[in-house]
Amino acid sequence: MSLMFYQSFVRIRAPLVEDRYHNKKRDWDNAEHTPVTGVNIQPAGVPVRSEEDTDDRQTTVTGWNLQTSEGVDLDLLETDRIEFDGMTLEVDGKVGRWPDPFGPGVHHIEARLKEVD
């Protein structure tokens, strides 16, 4: 494993359930927690992806980037959350799976994450 891919996180995946009004929603109280190792998670680069909304309350949204090493695919979905370095981050959009240019399969994945304070 490269020195760049030494970090780990816990993937949080909540089941999709139906409420009494037949609306589908994620059940975060009964989410599955799965440890994942061998990734690189860094703050989003320039421009820093940070937003503030002060209409109703102070909210700060900060972006992070997750990447795996060459040849590594992760079971990570856009509906997942992750716990990393004392933070709970949401996957922000689709997970990018880069194709291997020399054969079938995935070369690596990249995902945008966001922390909402």
N, C-alpha and C. Protein backbone atom coordinates (compact mmCIF):
# COMPACT_ATOMS: atom_id res chain seq x y z
N MET A 1 0.86 -1.18 0.00
CA MET A 1 0.00 0.00 0.00
C MET A 1 0.90 1.24 0.00
N SER A 2 0.55 2.17 -0.81
CA SER A 2 1.28 3.43 -0.92
C SER A 2 1.10 4.26 0.35
N LEU A 3 2.05 5.10 0.64
CA LEU A 3 1.93 6.00 1.78
C LEU A 3 0.77 6.97 1.62
N MET A 4 0.30 7.15 0.39
CA MET A 4 -0.81 8.06 0.14
C MET A 4 -2.15 7.44 0.54
N PHE A 5 -2.24 6.13 0.61
CA PHE A 5 -3.51 5.44 0.84
C PHE A 5 -3.48 4.66 2.16
N TYR A 6 -3.25 5.37 3.24
CA TYR A 6 -3.12 4.74 4.56
C TYR A 6 -4.31 5.03 5.47
N GLN A 7 -5.24 5.85 5.04
CA GLN A 7 -6.34 6.25 5.92
C GLN A 7 -7.47 5.23 5.89
N SER A 8 -8.33 5.33 6.89
CA SER A 8 -9.48 4.44 6.97
C SER A 8 -10.71 5.24 7.41
N PHE A 9 -11.87 4.65 7.17
CA PHE A 9 -13.13 5.27 7.57
C PHE A 9 -14.15 4.18 7.83
N VAL A 10 -15.29 4.55 8.34
CA VAL A 10 -16.40 3.62 8.55
C VAL A 10 -17.52 4.03 7.60
N ARG A 11 -17.91 3.10 6.72
CA ARG A 11 -19.02 3.37 5.82
C ARG A 11 -20.33 3.13 6.57
N ILE A 12 -21.26 4.07 6.46
CA ILE A 12 -22.56 3.96 7.11
C ILE A 12 -23.61 3.86 6.01
N ARG A 13 -24.31 2.73 5.98
CA ARG A 13 -25.33 2.50 4.95
C ARG A 13 -26.66 2.21 5.64
N ALA A 14 -27.62 3.09 5.42
CA ALA A 14 -28.93 2.95 6.05
C ALA A 14 -29.90 2.25 5.10
N PRO A 15 -30.70 1.33 5.65
CA PRO A 15 -31.70 0.68 4.79
C PRO A 15 -32.81 1.65 4.41
N LEU A 16 -33.40 1.40 3.26
CA LEU A 16 -34.52 2.20 2.79
C LEU A 16 -35.80 1.57 3.36
N VAL A 17 -36.56 2.35 4.11
CA VAL A 17 -37.79 1.85 4.74
C VAL A 17 -38.97 2.74 4.33
N GLU A 18 -40.15 2.23 4.61
CA GLU A 18 -41.37 2.97 4.28
C GLU A 18 -42.02 3.42 5.58
N ASP A 19 -42.38 4.71 5.65
CA ASP A 19 -43.05 5.20 6.86
C ASP A 19 -44.55 4.91 6.77
N ARG A 20 -45.28 5.33 7.77
CA ARG A 20 -46.71 5.00 7.83
C ARG A 20 -47.52 5.68 6.72
N TYR A 21 -46.92 6.68 6.07
CA TYR A 21 -47.58 7.36 4.95
C TYR A 21 -47.10 6.82 3.60
N HIS A 22 -46.34 5.72 3.63
CA HIS A 22 -45.80 5.04 2.44
C HIS A 22 -44.73 5.85 1.72
N ASN A 23 -44.08 6.75 2.44
CA ASN A 23 -42.92 7.47 1.90
C ASN A 23 -41.67 6.66 2.18
N LYS A 24 -40.78 6.58 1.22
CA LYS A 24 -39.52 5.86 1.43
C LYS A 24 -38.48 6.83 1.99
N LYS A 25 -37.77 6.36 3.02
CA LYS A 25 -36.73 7.19 3.63
C LYS A 25 -35.65 6.28 4.20
N ARG A 26 -34.49 6.85 4.48
CA ARG A 26 -33.37 6.10 5.05
C ARG A 26 -33.55 5.99 6.56
N ASP A 27 -33.32 4.78 7.10
CA ASP A 27 -33.42 4.53 8.53
C ASP A 27 -32.01 4.57 9.13
N TRP A 28 -31.54 5.77 9.47
CA TRP A 28 -30.17 5.95 9.96
C TRP A 28 -29.98 5.34 11.34
N ASP A 29 -31.06 5.13 12.10
CA ASP A 29 -30.93 4.49 13.42
C ASP A 29 -30.53 3.03 13.31
N ASN A 30 -30.83 2.40 12.18
CA ASN A 30 -30.52 0.99 11.97
C ASN A 30 -29.51 0.80 10.85
N ALA A 31 -28.62 1.75 10.68
CA ALA A 31 -27.63 1.70 9.61
C ALA A 31 -26.55 0.66 9.90
N GLU A 32 -26.00 0.12 8.84
CA GLU A 32 -24.90 -0.83 8.91
C GLU A 32 -23.58 -0.06 8.89
N HIS A 33 -22.66 -0.39 9.82
CA HIS A 33 -21.35 0.26 9.90
C HIS A 33 -20.27 -0.72 9.47
N THR A 34 -19.51 -0.36 8.42
CA THR A 34 -18.49 -1.24 7.85
C THR A 34 -17.16 -0.51 7.78
N PRO A 35 -16.10 -1.02 8.45
CA PRO A 35 -14.79 -0.37 8.35
C PRO A 35 -14.17 -0.56 6.97
N VAL A 36 -13.52 0.48 6.47
CA VAL A 36 -12.85 0.45 5.17
C VAL A 36 -11.45 1.05 5.37
N THR A 37 -10.43 0.38 4.80
CA THR A 37 -9.05 0.85 4.94
C THR A 37 -8.43 1.09 3.57
N GLY A 38 -7.29 1.76 3.57
CA GLY A 38 -6.50 1.92 2.35
C GLY A 38 -7.01 2.99 1.40
N VAL A 39 -7.47 4.12 1.94
CA VAL A 39 -7.97 5.21 1.10
C VAL A 39 -7.21 6.50 1.41
N ASN A 40 -7.44 7.51 0.59
CA ASN A 40 -6.88 8.83 0.81
C ASN A 40 -8.05 9.80 0.88
N ILE A 41 -8.20 10.52 2.00
CA ILE A 41 -9.24 11.52 2.17
C ILE A 41 -8.57 12.83 2.52
N GLN A 42 -8.84 13.85 1.70
CA GLN A 42 -8.22 15.15 1.87
C GLN A 42 -9.26 16.25 1.71
N PRO A 43 -9.01 17.44 2.30
CA PRO A 43 -9.91 18.56 2.04
C PRO A 43 -9.94 18.87 0.54
N ALA A 44 -11.08 19.33 0.06
CA ALA A 44 -11.19 19.68 -1.35
C ALA A 44 -10.21 20.79 -1.68
N GLY A 45 -9.62 20.73 -2.86
CA GLY A 45 -8.61 21.70 -3.27
C GLY A 45 -9.20 23.04 -3.64
N VAL A 46 -8.36 23.86 -4.22
CA VAL A 46 -8.74 25.22 -4.59
C VAL A 46 -9.64 25.13 -5.82
N PRO A 47 -10.76 25.81 -5.93
CA PRO A 47 -11.29 26.62 -4.85
C PRO A 47 -11.88 25.74 -3.76
N VAL A 48 -11.69 26.14 -2.52
CA VAL A 48 -12.20 25.37 -1.40
C VAL A 48 -13.72 25.34 -1.49
N ARG A 49 -14.28 24.14 -1.41
CA ARG A 49 -15.73 24.01 -1.50
C ARG A 49 -16.30 24.20 -0.11
N SER A 50 -16.63 25.41 0.21
CA SER A 50 -17.20 25.73 1.51
C SER A 50 -18.31 26.74 1.31
N GLU A 51 -19.44 26.46 1.90
CA GLU A 51 -20.59 27.34 1.75
C GLU A 51 -21.11 27.69 3.14
N GLU A 52 -21.68 28.87 3.27
CA GLU A 52 -22.31 29.25 4.53
C GLU A 52 -23.71 29.73 4.25
N ASP A 53 -24.64 29.31 5.09
CA ASP A 53 -26.03 29.73 4.98
C ASP A 53 -26.43 30.31 6.32
N THR A 54 -26.73 31.58 6.35
CA THR A 54 -27.02 32.23 7.62
C THR A 54 -28.47 32.70 7.71
N ASP A 55 -29.34 32.24 6.82
CA ASP A 55 -30.74 32.68 6.85
C ASP A 55 -31.43 32.28 8.15
N ASP A 56 -31.44 31.00 8.46
CA ASP A 56 -32.13 30.52 9.66
C ASP A 56 -31.17 30.21 10.80
N ARG A 57 -30.02 29.66 10.47
CA ARG A 57 -29.02 29.33 11.48
C ARG A 57 -27.66 29.26 10.79
N GLN A 58 -26.62 29.33 11.56
CA GLN A 58 -25.27 29.25 11.00
C GLN A 58 -24.99 27.83 10.53
N THR A 59 -24.72 27.66 9.25
CA THR A 59 -24.41 26.36 8.67
C THR A 59 -23.18 26.51 7.78
N THR A 60 -22.24 25.61 7.91
CA THR A 60 -21.07 25.61 7.06
C THR A 60 -20.96 24.24 6.39
N VAL A 61 -20.81 24.22 5.08
CA VAL A 61 -20.65 22.98 4.33
C VAL A 61 -19.24 22.97 3.77
N THR A 62 -18.46 21.96 4.10
CA THR A 62 -17.07 21.87 3.66
C THR A 62 -16.87 20.61 2.84
N GLY A 63 -16.16 20.73 1.71
CA GLY A 63 -15.93 19.60 0.82
C GLY A 63 -14.66 18.83 1.13
N TRP A 64 -14.71 17.53 0.85
CA TRP A 64 -13.59 16.62 1.01
C TRP A 64 -13.53 15.73 -0.23
N ASN A 65 -12.36 15.16 -0.52
CA ASN A 65 -12.20 14.23 -1.64
C ASN A 65 -11.69 12.89 -1.10
N LEU A 66 -12.28 11.82 -1.61
CA LEU A 66 -11.87 10.46 -1.27
C LEU A 66 -11.36 9.80 -2.54
N GLN A 67 -10.25 9.07 -2.43
CA GLN A 67 -9.70 8.36 -3.59
C GLN A 67 -9.11 7.03 -3.13
N THR A 68 -9.24 6.01 -3.98
CA THR A 68 -8.60 4.72 -3.70
C THR A 68 -7.35 4.59 -4.57
N SER A 69 -6.52 3.63 -4.23
CA SER A 69 -5.32 3.39 -5.03
C SER A 69 -5.69 2.61 -6.30
N GLU A 70 -4.71 2.47 -7.16
CA GLU A 70 -4.90 1.79 -8.44
C GLU A 70 -5.39 0.35 -8.23
N GLY A 71 -6.43 -0.02 -8.95
CA GLY A 71 -6.97 -1.38 -8.89
C GLY A 71 -7.96 -1.62 -7.77
N VAL A 72 -8.30 -0.58 -7.00
CA VAL A 72 -9.20 -0.75 -5.86
C VAL A 72 -10.55 -0.11 -6.15
N ASP A 73 -11.60 -0.93 -6.05
CA ASP A 73 -12.98 -0.45 -6.16
C ASP A 73 -13.59 -0.61 -4.77
N LEU A 74 -14.47 0.30 -4.39
CA LEU A 74 -15.14 0.24 -3.09
C LEU A 74 -16.63 0.07 -3.28
N ASP A 75 -17.25 -0.59 -2.33
CA ASP A 75 -18.70 -0.65 -2.28
C ASP A 75 -19.15 0.63 -1.58
N LEU A 76 -19.28 1.69 -2.36
CA LEU A 76 -19.67 3.00 -1.84
C LEU A 76 -20.72 3.58 -2.76
N LEU A 77 -21.83 4.03 -2.18
CA LEU A 77 -22.95 4.58 -2.95
C LEU A 77 -23.18 6.04 -2.60
N GLU A 78 -23.86 6.75 -3.48
CA GLU A 78 -24.15 8.17 -3.23
C GLU A 78 -25.09 8.37 -2.05
N THR A 79 -25.75 7.33 -1.58
CA THR A 79 -26.65 7.43 -0.43
C THR A 79 -25.96 7.11 0.89
N ASP A 80 -24.67 6.77 0.85
CA ASP A 80 -23.93 6.40 2.07
C ASP A 80 -23.41 7.64 2.79
N ARG A 81 -23.04 7.43 4.03
CA ARG A 81 -22.31 8.41 4.83
C ARG A 81 -21.03 7.72 5.30
N ILE A 82 -20.06 8.52 5.71
CA ILE A 82 -18.86 7.93 6.28
C ILE A 82 -18.48 8.67 7.55
N GLU A 83 -17.86 7.93 8.47
CA GLU A 83 -17.28 8.52 9.67
C GLU A 83 -15.78 8.55 9.45
N PHE A 84 -15.19 9.74 9.57
CA PHE A 84 -13.76 9.91 9.34
C PHE A 84 -13.26 11.02 10.24
N ASP A 85 -12.23 10.74 10.99
CA ASP A 85 -11.54 11.75 11.79
C ASP A 85 -12.50 12.55 12.68
N GLY A 86 -13.46 11.85 13.29
CA GLY A 86 -14.41 12.48 14.20
C GLY A 86 -15.56 13.21 13.51
N MET A 87 -15.62 13.11 12.18
CA MET A 87 -16.69 13.78 11.43
C MET A 87 -17.60 12.75 10.78
N THR A 88 -18.84 13.13 10.55
CA THR A 88 -19.73 12.34 9.70
C THR A 88 -19.88 13.12 8.41
N LEU A 89 -19.49 12.47 7.31
CA LEU A 89 -19.51 13.09 5.99
C LEU A 89 -20.53 12.38 5.11
N GLU A 90 -21.18 13.14 4.24
CA GLU A 90 -22.12 12.58 3.28
C GLU A 90 -21.44 12.48 1.93
N VAL A 91 -21.75 11.41 1.17
CA VAL A 91 -21.27 11.32 -0.20
C VAL A 91 -22.05 12.35 -1.00
N ASP A 92 -21.34 13.19 -1.74
CA ASP A 92 -21.93 14.32 -2.45
C ASP A 92 -21.98 14.00 -3.95
N GLY A 93 -23.06 13.39 -4.40
CA GLY A 93 -23.20 13.03 -5.81
C GLY A 93 -22.78 11.59 -6.07
N LYS A 94 -22.70 11.24 -7.34
CA LYS A 94 -22.33 9.88 -7.74
C LYS A 94 -20.86 9.61 -7.44
N VAL A 95 -20.55 8.36 -7.15
CA VAL A 95 -19.17 7.93 -6.94
C VAL A 95 -18.54 7.70 -8.31
N GLY A 96 -17.38 8.32 -8.56
CA GLY A 96 -16.70 8.18 -9.85
C GLY A 96 -15.86 6.93 -9.88
N ARG A 97 -16.17 6.03 -10.81
CA ARG A 97 -15.40 4.80 -11.00
C ARG A 97 -14.64 4.93 -12.32
N TRP A 98 -13.32 5.14 -12.22
CA TRP A 98 -12.49 5.36 -13.39
C TRP A 98 -12.13 4.01 -14.01
N PRO A 99 -12.40 3.84 -15.31
CA PRO A 99 -12.10 2.56 -15.95
C PRO A 99 -10.59 2.34 -16.09
N ASP A 100 -10.20 1.08 -16.04
CA ASP A 100 -8.80 0.72 -16.23
C ASP A 100 -8.48 0.85 -17.72
N PRO A 101 -7.48 1.66 -18.10
CA PRO A 101 -7.19 1.85 -19.52
C PRO A 101 -6.56 0.62 -20.19
N PHE A 102 -6.11 -0.34 -19.39
CA PHE A 102 -5.41 -1.50 -19.95
C PHE A 102 -6.20 -2.80 -19.84
N GLY A 103 -7.45 -2.72 -19.44
CA GLY A 103 -8.23 -3.94 -19.34
C GLY A 103 -9.56 -3.69 -18.69
N PRO A 104 -10.29 -4.75 -18.45
CA PRO A 104 -11.60 -4.58 -17.82
C PRO A 104 -11.46 -4.22 -16.34
N GLY A 105 -12.47 -3.63 -15.82
CA GLY A 105 -12.47 -3.32 -14.39
C GLY A 105 -12.27 -1.85 -14.10
N VAL A 106 -12.09 -1.57 -12.84
CA VAL A 106 -11.96 -0.20 -12.35
C VAL A 106 -10.50 0.08 -12.03
N HIS A 107 -10.00 1.23 -12.49
CA HIS A 107 -8.64 1.63 -12.15
C HIS A 107 -8.59 2.16 -10.72
N HIS A 108 -9.53 3.07 -10.38
CA HIS A 108 -9.65 3.58 -9.01
C HIS A 108 -10.99 4.31 -8.91
N ILE A 109 -11.37 4.68 -7.69
CA ILE A 109 -12.59 5.47 -7.53
C ILE A 109 -12.25 6.80 -6.88
N GLU A 110 -13.12 7.77 -7.13
CA GLU A 110 -13.04 9.07 -6.47
C GLU A 110 -14.46 9.45 -6.08
N ALA A 111 -14.57 10.09 -4.92
CA ALA A 111 -15.88 10.53 -4.45
C ALA A 111 -15.73 11.88 -3.75
N ARG A 112 -16.69 12.74 -4.00
CA ARG A 112 -16.76 14.00 -3.26
C ARG A 112 -17.55 13.74 -1.98
N LEU A 113 -17.11 14.33 -0.91
CA LEU A 113 -17.77 14.20 0.38
C LEU A 113 -18.08 15.59 0.89
N LYS A 114 -19.06 15.69 1.77
CA LYS A 114 -19.32 16.99 2.37
C LYS A 114 -19.63 16.82 3.86
N GLU A 115 -19.10 17.75 4.62
CA GLU A 115 -19.37 17.83 6.05
C GLU A 115 -20.31 19.00 6.26
N VAL A 116 -21.40 18.76 6.95
CA VAL A 116 -22.35 19.82 7.22
C VAL A 116 -22.33 20.09 8.71
N ASP A 117 -21.91 21.29 9.09
CA ASP A 117 -21.89 21.70 10.51
C ASP A 117 -23.11 22.51 10.82
